[in-house]
Amino acid sequence: MTVPIEEIQPGWLVVDAHGDELGTVIENSGDTVRVKKGGLLGGELTIPRDAVKEFETGRVELNRTRTELSAH
């Protein structure tokens, strides 16, 4: 099943495969989701479409951990 990633909106919380909060969506291009990282260091992550496991209004769950995402 293809996730209709285009429905994800800016401001939604993004969590990794362990349920750890990564930050909030700042842009959704359809192929990727840009996330403003939380925490003291800040920065951004670009999440590929295939890393999105599921979502509901206000929350995006990924199928990868923070470490796996940072390695790319």
N, C-alpha and C. Protein backbone atom coordinates (compact mmCIF):
# COMPACT_ATOMS: atom_id res chain seq x y z
N MET A 1 0.82 -1.18 0.00
CA MET A 1 0.00 0.00 0.00
C MET A 1 0.87 1.25 0.00
N THR A 2 0.58 2.19 -0.86
CA THR A 2 1.32 3.44 -0.90
C THR A 2 0.69 4.44 0.06
N VAL A 3 1.51 5.01 0.89
CA VAL A 3 1.02 6.01 1.84
C VAL A 3 0.74 7.30 1.09
N PRO A 4 -0.45 7.89 1.26
CA PRO A 4 -0.75 9.16 0.59
C PRO A 4 -0.03 10.31 1.30
N ILE A 5 1.28 10.36 1.11
CA ILE A 5 2.13 11.29 1.84
C ILE A 5 1.75 12.76 1.61
N GLU A 6 1.08 13.05 0.50
CA GLU A 6 0.72 14.44 0.22
C GLU A 6 -0.28 15.01 1.23
N GLU A 7 -0.88 14.16 2.04
CA GLU A 7 -1.82 14.62 3.05
C GLU A 7 -1.14 15.14 4.32
N ILE A 8 0.15 14.87 4.48
CA ILE A 8 0.89 15.31 5.66
C ILE A 8 1.06 16.83 5.59
N GLN A 9 0.83 17.50 6.72
CA GLN A 9 0.81 18.96 6.78
C GLN A 9 1.94 19.52 7.66
N PRO A 10 2.40 20.75 7.35
CA PRO A 10 3.36 21.43 8.22
C PRO A 10 2.82 21.55 9.65
N GLY A 11 3.73 21.39 10.60
CA GLY A 11 3.37 21.50 12.01
C GLY A 11 3.10 20.16 12.67
N TRP A 12 2.92 19.11 11.88
CA TRP A 12 2.66 17.79 12.46
C TRP A 12 3.92 17.25 13.14
N LEU A 13 3.74 16.55 14.25
CA LEU A 13 4.81 15.90 14.98
C LEU A 13 5.31 14.69 14.20
N VAL A 14 6.64 14.49 14.20
CA VAL A 14 7.24 13.33 13.54
C VAL A 14 7.97 12.51 14.60
N VAL A 15 7.68 11.20 14.63
CA VAL A 15 8.34 10.29 15.57
C VAL A 15 9.03 9.17 14.79
N ASP A 16 10.13 8.67 15.35
CA ASP A 16 10.86 7.59 14.68
C ASP A 16 10.26 6.23 15.02
N ALA A 17 10.92 5.17 14.57
CA ALA A 17 10.41 3.80 14.76
C ALA A 17 10.32 3.40 16.22
N HIS A 18 11.08 4.08 17.09
CA HIS A 18 11.02 3.80 18.53
C HIS A 18 10.00 4.66 19.25
N GLY A 19 9.36 5.58 18.53
CA GLY A 19 8.40 6.49 19.14
C GLY A 19 9.04 7.76 19.68
N ASP A 20 10.34 7.94 19.43
CA ASP A 20 11.04 9.14 19.88
C ASP A 20 10.70 10.32 18.97
N GLU A 21 10.43 11.47 19.56
CA GLU A 21 10.09 12.65 18.79
C GLU A 21 11.31 13.18 18.05
N LEU A 22 11.16 13.39 16.74
CA LEU A 22 12.23 13.94 15.92
C LEU A 22 12.07 15.44 15.70
N GLY A 23 10.84 15.91 15.60
CA GLY A 23 10.59 17.32 15.34
C GLY A 23 9.24 17.48 14.69
N THR A 24 9.09 18.58 13.91
CA THR A 24 7.82 18.86 13.25
C THR A 24 8.02 19.08 11.76
N VAL A 25 7.00 18.74 11.01
CA VAL A 25 7.03 18.91 9.55
C VAL A 25 7.09 20.40 9.22
N ILE A 26 8.01 20.77 8.30
CA ILE A 26 8.05 22.15 7.82
C ILE A 26 7.69 22.24 6.34
N GLU A 27 7.83 21.12 5.63
CA GLU A 27 7.46 21.12 4.21
C GLU A 27 7.23 19.69 3.74
N ASN A 28 6.26 19.52 2.87
CA ASN A 28 5.96 18.23 2.28
C ASN A 28 5.94 18.39 0.77
N SER A 29 6.91 17.77 0.09
CA SER A 29 6.99 17.90 -1.36
C SER A 29 6.29 16.76 -2.08
N GLY A 30 5.82 15.75 -1.34
CA GLY A 30 5.22 14.57 -1.96
C GLY A 30 6.19 13.41 -2.03
N ASP A 31 7.46 13.70 -2.39
CA ASP A 31 8.49 12.67 -2.42
C ASP A 31 9.28 12.62 -1.12
N THR A 32 9.37 13.77 -0.46
CA THR A 32 10.08 13.87 0.80
C THR A 32 9.31 14.78 1.75
N VAL A 33 9.65 14.63 3.03
CA VAL A 33 9.09 15.50 4.07
C VAL A 33 10.28 16.13 4.79
N ARG A 34 10.33 17.46 4.84
CA ARG A 34 11.37 18.16 5.60
C ARG A 34 10.88 18.37 7.01
N VAL A 35 11.76 18.04 7.96
CA VAL A 35 11.41 18.10 9.38
C VAL A 35 12.38 19.02 10.10
N LYS A 36 11.83 19.95 10.89
CA LYS A 36 12.64 20.77 11.77
C LYS A 36 12.87 19.96 13.03
N LYS A 37 14.15 19.64 13.29
CA LYS A 37 14.47 18.81 14.44
C LYS A 37 14.26 19.57 15.74
N GLY A 38 13.77 18.86 16.73
CA GLY A 38 13.62 19.44 18.06
C GLY A 38 14.93 19.35 18.81
N GLY A 39 14.96 19.86 19.99
CA GLY A 39 16.16 19.79 20.81
C GLY A 39 17.02 21.04 20.70
N LEU A 40 18.13 21.03 21.39
CA LEU A 40 19.00 22.20 21.46
C LEU A 40 19.75 22.48 20.17
N LEU A 41 20.12 21.44 19.44
CA LEU A 41 20.91 21.63 18.24
C LEU A 41 20.10 22.04 17.03
N GLY A 42 18.83 21.68 17.02
CA GLY A 42 17.97 22.06 15.89
C GLY A 42 18.44 21.43 14.60
N GLY A 43 18.23 22.14 13.50
CA GLY A 43 18.58 21.62 12.19
C GLY A 43 17.38 21.02 11.50
N GLU A 44 17.63 20.37 10.37
CA GLU A 44 16.57 19.77 9.58
C GLU A 44 16.93 18.36 9.17
N LEU A 45 15.91 17.57 8.93
CA LEU A 45 16.04 16.23 8.35
C LEU A 45 15.16 16.17 7.12
N THR A 46 15.61 15.49 6.10
CA THR A 46 14.77 15.22 4.94
C THR A 46 14.41 13.75 4.98
N ILE A 47 13.13 13.48 5.07
CA ILE A 47 12.63 12.12 5.21
C ILE A 47 12.10 11.63 3.86
N PRO A 48 12.62 10.51 3.34
CA PRO A 48 12.10 9.99 2.08
C PRO A 48 10.72 9.37 2.26
N ARG A 49 9.96 9.34 1.20
CA ARG A 49 8.59 8.80 1.21
C ARG A 49 8.53 7.39 1.81
N ASP A 50 9.50 6.54 1.48
CA ASP A 50 9.44 5.16 1.94
C ASP A 50 9.75 5.00 3.44
N ALA A 51 10.15 6.08 4.12
CA ALA A 51 10.40 6.02 5.56
C ALA A 51 9.14 6.29 6.37
N VAL A 52 8.08 6.77 5.70
CA VAL A 52 6.83 7.05 6.40
C VAL A 52 6.05 5.75 6.55
N LYS A 53 5.86 5.33 7.80
CA LYS A 53 5.13 4.09 8.06
C LYS A 53 3.63 4.34 8.03
N GLU A 54 3.18 5.33 8.80
CA GLU A 54 1.77 5.69 8.84
C GLU A 54 1.64 7.07 9.45
N PHE A 55 0.44 7.63 9.32
CA PHE A 55 0.19 8.92 9.94
C PHE A 55 -1.28 9.09 10.23
N GLU A 56 -1.54 10.00 11.14
CA GLU A 56 -2.89 10.43 11.46
C GLU A 56 -2.79 11.94 11.63
N THR A 57 -3.89 12.61 11.68
CA THR A 57 -3.86 14.06 11.79
C THR A 57 -2.97 14.49 12.95
N GLY A 58 -1.94 15.26 12.63
CA GLY A 58 -1.06 15.81 13.65
C GLY A 58 0.16 14.98 14.00
N ARG A 59 0.28 13.75 13.45
CA ARG A 59 1.38 12.86 13.84
C ARG A 59 1.81 11.98 12.67
N VAL A 60 3.13 11.90 12.47
CA VAL A 60 3.72 11.06 11.42
C VAL A 60 4.65 10.05 12.09
N GLU A 61 4.43 8.77 11.82
CA GLU A 61 5.28 7.72 12.38
C GLU A 61 6.16 7.15 11.27
N LEU A 62 7.45 7.03 11.57
CA LEU A 62 8.41 6.52 10.59
C LEU A 62 8.76 5.06 10.86
N ASN A 63 9.31 4.40 9.84
CA ASN A 63 9.74 3.01 10.00
C ASN A 63 11.25 2.91 10.20
N ARG A 64 11.88 4.03 10.49
CA ARG A 64 13.33 4.08 10.73
C ARG A 64 13.61 4.81 12.03
N THR A 65 14.76 4.51 12.63
CA THR A 65 15.16 5.18 13.85
C THR A 65 15.88 6.49 13.51
N ARG A 66 16.07 7.30 14.52
CA ARG A 66 16.82 8.55 14.36
C ARG A 66 18.22 8.26 13.81
N THR A 67 18.88 7.21 14.34
CA THR A 67 20.22 6.84 13.89
C THR A 67 20.23 6.45 12.40
N GLU A 68 19.26 5.66 12.00
CA GLU A 68 19.18 5.25 10.59
C GLU A 68 18.97 6.45 9.67
N LEU A 69 18.15 7.39 10.09
CA LEU A 69 17.89 8.58 9.28
C LEU A 69 19.11 9.48 9.19
N SER A 70 19.86 9.60 10.28
CA SER A 70 21.05 10.46 10.31
C SER A 70 22.20 9.89 9.49
N ALA A 71 22.18 8.57 9.27
CA ALA A 71 23.25 7.91 8.52
C ALA A 71 23.17 8.20 7.02
N HIS A 72 22.03 8.72 6.54
CA HIS A 72 21.85 8.96 5.11
C HIS A 72 22.09 10.39 4.76
